[in-house]
Structures are given as structure tokens and as C-alpha cells.
N, C-alpha and C. Protein backbone atom coordinates (compact mmCIF):
# COMPACT_ATOMS: atom_id res chain seq x y z
N MET A 1 0.66 -1.31 -0.16
CA MET A 1 0.15 -0.09 -0.02
C MET A 1 0.83 1.30 0.23
N GLU A 2 0.71 1.98 -0.81
CA GLU A 2 1.56 3.53 -0.91
C GLU A 2 1.03 4.00 -0.18
N ARG A 3 2.27 4.88 0.43
CA ARG A 3 1.63 6.00 1.74
C ARG A 3 1.67 7.43 0.95
N HIS A 4 0.57 7.92 1.38
CA HIS A 4 0.25 9.64 0.92
C HIS A 4 1.06 10.23 2.14
N LYS A 5 1.78 11.03 1.83
CA LYS A 5 2.62 11.86 3.07
C LYS A 5 2.20 13.41 2.72
N PHE A 6 1.64 14.19 3.58
CA PHE A 6 1.17 15.64 3.51
C PHE A 6 2.73 16.27 3.87
N PRO A 7 2.54 17.40 3.08
CA PRO A 7 3.96 18.26 3.25
C PRO A 7 3.72 19.19 4.68
N ILE A 8 4.96 19.03 5.43
CA ILE A 8 4.92 19.55 6.76
C ILE A 8 5.41 21.23 6.57
N ARG A 9 4.69 21.94 7.06
CA ARG A 9 5.37 23.41 7.54
C ARG A 9 5.43 23.80 8.93
N VAL A 10 6.52 24.14 9.29
CA VAL A 10 6.57 24.40 11.00
C VAL A 10 6.38 26.14 11.01
N LEU A 11 5.77 26.28 11.96
CA LEU A 11 6.01 27.81 12.35
C LEU A 11 6.94 28.04 13.45
N PRO A 12 7.22 29.31 13.35
CA PRO A 12 8.42 30.05 14.24
C PRO A 12 7.84 29.52 16.01
N THR A 13 6.66 29.52 16.12
CA THR A 13 6.24 29.29 17.54
C THR A 13 6.78 28.14 18.04
N TYR A 14 6.48 26.99 17.19
CA TYR A 14 6.94 25.52 17.40
C TYR A 14 8.54 25.56 17.35
N GLU A 15 9.27 26.12 16.47
CA GLU A 15 10.88 26.13 16.50
C GLU A 15 11.30 26.81 17.88
N ALA A 16 10.63 27.76 18.26
CA ALA A 16 11.22 28.51 19.37
C ALA A 16 10.78 27.76 20.57
N ASP A 17 9.28 26.87 20.79
CA ASP A 17 9.15 25.98 21.70
C ASP A 17 10.01 24.79 21.93
N LEU A 18 10.37 23.85 20.78
CA LEU A 18 11.28 22.93 20.61
C LEU A 18 12.72 23.30 21.03
N GLU A 19 13.29 24.60 20.82
CA GLU A 19 14.83 24.97 21.02
C GLU A 19 14.65 25.12 22.70
N ALA A 20 13.61 26.18 23.18
CA ALA A 20 13.42 25.92 24.36
C ALA A 20 13.53 24.91 25.37
N ALA A 21 12.86 23.61 24.79
CA ALA A 21 12.63 22.59 25.70
C ALA A 21 14.07 21.79 25.85
N ALA A 22 15.02 21.95 24.38
CA ALA A 22 15.89 21.38 24.44
C ALA A 22 17.14 22.00 25.13
N CYS A 23 17.16 23.16 25.12
CA CYS A 23 18.18 24.01 25.88
C CYS A 23 17.68 23.81 27.35
N TYR A 24 16.67 24.02 27.84
CA TYR A 24 16.25 23.49 29.18
C TYR A 24 16.88 22.17 29.62
N ILE A 25 16.71 21.04 28.81
CA ILE A 25 16.92 19.72 29.29
C ILE A 25 18.60 19.57 29.13
N ARG A 26 18.93 20.40 27.82
CA ARG A 26 20.84 20.38 27.92
C ARG A 26 21.26 21.47 29.08
N ASP A 27 20.98 22.46 29.48
CA ASP A 27 21.23 23.26 30.27
C ASP A 27 21.10 23.33 31.44
N VAL A 28 20.02 23.30 32.07
CA VAL A 28 19.39 23.05 33.40
C VAL A 28 19.60 21.81 33.93
N LEU A 29 18.96 20.60 32.99
CA LEU A 29 19.03 19.71 33.63
C LEU A 29 20.66 18.73 33.45
N ASN A 30 21.31 19.37 32.49
CA ASN A 30 22.52 18.93 32.42
C ASN A 30 22.41 17.48 31.51
N ASN A 31 21.66 17.65 30.44
CA ASN A 31 21.46 16.30 29.75
C ASN A 31 21.49 16.48 28.33
N GLN A 32 22.71 16.64 28.02
CA GLN A 32 22.61 16.80 26.24
C GLN A 32 22.21 15.39 25.47
N THR A 33 22.38 14.26 26.17
CA THR A 33 21.89 13.16 25.36
C THR A 33 20.47 13.27 24.96
N ALA A 34 19.61 13.73 26.31
CA ALA A 34 18.32 13.61 26.53
C ALA A 34 17.34 14.83 25.86
N ALA A 35 18.31 16.07 25.56
CA ALA A 35 17.84 17.05 24.40
C ALA A 35 17.99 16.87 23.23
N GLU A 36 19.05 15.99 22.75
CA GLU A 36 19.03 15.65 21.60
C GLU A 36 17.93 14.58 21.00
N GLU A 37 17.84 13.83 21.91
CA GLU A 37 16.71 12.50 21.84
C GLU A 37 15.50 13.38 21.64
N LEU A 38 15.37 14.27 22.30
CA LEU A 38 14.05 14.87 22.45
C LEU A 38 13.65 15.17 21.14
N VAL A 39 14.54 16.00 20.66
CA VAL A 39 14.21 16.67 19.44
C VAL A 39 14.25 15.45 18.19
N ARG A 40 14.88 14.55 18.39
CA ARG A 40 15.08 13.58 17.03
C ARG A 40 13.67 12.75 17.40
N GLU A 41 12.99 12.43 18.58
CA GLU A 41 11.54 11.79 18.39
C GLU A 41 10.72 12.49 18.28
N VAL A 42 10.55 14.13 18.29
CA VAL A 42 9.52 14.94 17.87
C VAL A 42 9.49 15.05 16.63
N GLU A 43 10.71 15.04 15.83
CA GLU A 43 10.69 15.10 14.57
C GLU A 43 10.15 13.76 14.00
N ARG A 44 10.79 12.73 14.18
CA ARG A 44 10.10 11.54 14.15
C ARG A 44 8.57 11.03 13.99
N ALA A 45 8.03 11.90 15.13
CA ALA A 45 6.83 11.74 15.49
C ALA A 45 6.01 12.64 14.23
N ILE A 46 6.71 13.55 13.98
CA ILE A 46 5.88 14.56 13.34
C ILE A 46 5.88 13.94 11.57
N HIS A 47 6.91 13.42 11.30
CA HIS A 47 6.84 12.73 9.96
C HIS A 47 6.12 11.52 9.95
N LYS A 48 6.09 10.76 11.08
CA LYS A 48 5.18 9.92 10.83
C LYS A 48 3.63 10.13 10.96
N ARG A 49 2.93 11.29 11.71
CA ARG A 49 1.92 11.54 11.56
C ARG A 49 1.50 12.34 10.11
N ALA A 50 2.56 12.72 9.50
CA ALA A 50 2.28 13.17 8.28
C ALA A 50 1.80 12.26 7.13
N GLU A 51 1.99 10.95 7.28
CA GLU A 51 1.62 10.22 6.76
C GLU A 51 -0.02 9.93 6.60
N HIS A 52 -0.63 10.09 8.07
CA HIS A 52 -2.18 9.99 8.07
C HIS A 52 -2.43 11.21 9.53
N PRO A 53 -2.24 12.41 8.76
CA PRO A 53 -2.60 13.38 9.82
C PRO A 53 -4.23 13.40 10.73
N PHE A 54 -5.32 12.80 9.64
CA PHE A 54 -6.39 12.79 10.44
C PHE A 54 -6.84 11.59 11.31
N LEU A 55 -5.66 10.86 11.47
CA LEU A 55 -6.01 9.32 11.98
C LEU A 55 -6.39 9.32 13.45
N VAL A 56 -6.38 10.72 14.16
CA VAL A 56 -6.60 10.80 15.58
C VAL A 56 -7.88 11.73 15.64
N LYS A 57 -8.54 11.76 16.90
CA LYS A 57 -9.57 12.66 17.14
C LYS A 57 -9.01 14.26 17.30
N PRO A 58 -9.76 14.96 16.87
CA PRO A 58 -9.22 16.63 16.80
C PRO A 58 -9.22 16.81 18.41
N TYR A 59 -7.84 17.86 18.42
CA TYR A 59 -7.96 18.06 20.12
C TYR A 59 -8.99 19.33 20.58
N LEU A 60 -9.83 18.77 20.91
CA LEU A 60 -10.81 19.82 21.61
C LEU A 60 -10.41 20.91 22.51
N THR A 61 -10.53 21.98 22.19
CA THR A 61 -10.28 23.45 23.24
C THR A 61 -11.57 24.25 23.43
N ARG A 62 -11.91 24.95 24.39
CA ARG A 62 -12.91 25.74 24.58
C ARG A 62 -13.04 26.88 23.61
N LYS A 63 -11.85 27.47 23.14
CA LYS A 63 -11.82 28.71 22.28
C LYS A 63 -12.18 28.02 20.79
N LYS A 64 -13.07 28.70 20.39
CA LYS A 64 -13.50 28.41 18.85
C LYS A 64 -12.21 28.76 17.89
N ARG A 65 -11.94 27.99 17.05
CA ARG A 65 -10.62 28.03 16.26
C ARG A 65 -11.09 27.89 14.73
N LYS A 66 -10.45 28.50 13.81
CA LYS A 66 -10.46 28.61 12.27
C LYS A 66 -10.27 27.36 11.82
N ASN A 67 -9.21 26.78 12.17
CA ASN A 67 -8.89 25.35 12.04
C ASN A 67 -8.92 24.40 13.10
N THR A 68 -9.10 23.28 12.79
CA THR A 68 -9.23 22.11 14.01
C THR A 68 -7.88 21.65 14.33
N TYR A 69 -7.38 21.67 15.57
CA TYR A 69 -5.88 21.44 16.09
C TYR A 69 -6.20 19.83 16.58
N TYR A 70 -4.89 19.08 15.97
CA TYR A 70 -4.76 17.88 16.46
C TYR A 70 -3.48 17.76 17.41
N SER A 71 -3.24 16.56 18.21
CA SER A 71 -2.27 16.64 18.76
C SER A 71 -1.24 15.12 18.78
N ILE A 72 0.03 15.15 19.26
CA ILE A 72 1.18 14.15 19.16
C ILE A 72 1.66 14.35 20.46
N TYR A 73 1.60 13.02 21.23
CA TYR A 73 2.16 12.96 22.19
C TYR A 73 3.54 12.38 22.19
N VAL A 74 4.66 12.97 23.00
CA VAL A 74 5.75 12.69 22.77
C VAL A 74 6.71 12.55 24.19
N GLY A 75 6.85 11.56 24.71
CA GLY A 75 7.37 11.88 26.11
C GLY A 75 6.31 12.70 26.95
N ASN A 76 7.23 13.32 27.48
CA ASN A 76 6.45 14.87 28.26
C ASN A 76 5.85 16.00 27.54
N TYR A 77 6.10 15.69 26.22
CA TYR A 77 5.46 16.89 25.43
C TYR A 77 4.47 16.66 24.38
N THR A 78 3.44 17.92 24.16
CA THR A 78 2.36 17.32 23.27
C THR A 78 2.99 18.49 22.12
N VAL A 79 2.87 17.92 20.44
CA VAL A 79 2.94 18.56 19.39
C VAL A 79 1.43 18.99 18.75
N PHE A 80 1.29 20.37 18.54
CA PHE A 80 -0.41 20.36 18.11
C PHE A 80 0.22 20.95 16.60
N TYR A 81 -0.86 20.53 15.65
CA TYR A 81 -0.71 20.76 14.43
C TYR A 81 -2.24 21.05 13.74
N VAL A 82 -2.32 21.49 12.57
CA VAL A 82 -3.61 21.79 11.95
C VAL A 82 -3.04 21.42 10.57
N VAL A 83 -4.48 21.21 9.97
CA VAL A 83 -4.17 20.87 8.47
C VAL A 83 -5.00 21.76 7.60
N ILE A 84 -4.11 22.64 6.81
CA ILE A 84 -4.63 23.67 5.76
C ILE A 84 -4.23 23.23 4.52
N ASP A 85 -5.30 23.23 3.74
CA ASP A 85 -4.90 23.23 2.19
C ASP A 85 -4.11 21.84 1.74
N ASN A 86 -4.12 20.62 2.38
CA ASN A 86 -3.34 19.27 2.48
C ASN A 86 -2.21 19.79 2.93
N ILE A 87 -1.87 20.58 3.86
CA ILE A 87 -0.38 20.62 4.46
C ILE A 87 -0.40 20.69 6.00
N MET A 88 0.40 20.03 6.48
CA MET A 88 0.45 19.86 8.21
C MET A 88 1.06 20.78 8.66
N GLU A 89 0.60 21.89 9.50
CA GLU A 89 1.14 22.74 9.88
C GLU A 89 1.56 22.61 11.41
N VAL A 90 2.68 22.45 11.64
CA VAL A 90 3.08 22.37 12.79
C VAL A 90 2.98 23.48 14.01
N ARG A 91 2.22 23.74 14.82
CA ARG A 91 2.06 25.08 15.55
C ARG A 91 3.04 25.13 16.98
N ARG A 92 2.80 24.19 17.65
CA ARG A 92 3.51 24.12 18.87
C ARG A 92 3.75 23.11 19.86
N LEU A 93 5.08 23.37 20.56
CA LEU A 93 5.31 21.91 21.62
C LEU A 93 5.33 22.56 22.65
N ILE A 94 4.20 21.54 23.48
CA ILE A 94 4.09 22.52 24.91
C ILE A 94 4.09 21.34 25.80
N TYR A 95 5.27 21.43 26.89
CA TYR A 95 5.34 20.62 27.94
C TYR A 95 3.69 20.07 28.58
N SER A 96 3.30 18.82 28.78
CA SER A 96 2.25 18.18 28.97
C SER A 96 1.66 18.78 30.19
N LYS A 97 2.60 19.04 31.27
CA LYS A 97 1.85 19.52 32.47
C LYS A 97 1.63 20.69 32.67
N ARG A 98 1.85 21.59 31.68
CA ARG A 98 1.52 23.07 31.52
C ARG A 98 0.28 23.26 31.25
N ASP A 99 -0.55 24.49 31.25
CA ASP A 99 -1.86 24.76 31.58
C ASP A 99 -2.07 24.97 29.63
N ILE A 100 -2.08 23.96 28.72
CA ILE A 100 -2.12 24.04 27.51
C ILE A 100 -3.38 24.78 26.72
N GLU A 101 -4.58 25.12 27.58
CA GLU A 101 -5.74 25.81 26.95
C GLU A 101 -5.36 27.12 27.05
N ARG A 102 -4.63 27.32 28.08
CA ARG A 102 -4.32 29.07 28.46
C ARG A 102 -3.24 29.46 27.28
N ILE A 103 -2.41 28.47 27.09
CA ILE A 103 -1.30 28.69 25.97
C ILE A 103 -1.48 28.65 24.47
N LEU A 104 -2.45 27.71 24.26
CA LEU A 104 -2.90 27.50 22.88
C LEU A 104 -3.73 28.71 22.64
């Protein structure tokens, strides 16, 4: 069976979130290996989901949104994305124990 992969676009907010998470793990927790592994795992999960971005239920929020949010769970982090014109747009990476509703 041939896989259809959606193109991926990442927003600067996601890039900043990922960099902040990796820097925290590397600098504050003093664990370079774990920081690198987080980046690899997040990127791997995003590319895998791009094969079937609608495979999961939408991430429901109280706030009315133009585009439906979907989530990917990677360790203690959640990646949020939307699909616009057959492009998977990755918007945020948030530590799962934070107030996600407030941040999104």
C-alpha cells in the first residue's frame, strides 16, 4: 500500500518551543543526550503523523478556532498541528503538565 505523506510546514512558535525545551534539558538538567533525543523523537513523530494526519481525534479546546487542532504525544510533550490545504502545519510544542488551554 502506497503512503500519502502530507507536506509539513513548521511555524516559528513551534521552532522556538522545541529550542526552549531542548535548551532547558541540555543546560538546566545538564543532559545533552536527552535533549538531542527529544529533538529526534519529536521530528520522527511529526514525520510519521504526516502520513495520516487525520488518524486521531481532533484536540478539542474551549476557544473557537478557524482550524481544527490535532495533537501528537511525545514523552512529556505535546505537539499541536492543523491541516490547511493538505499541508500539515506544526504550530506548538508544549510541556504536557503546563496549562495547555491557556497557552494555545
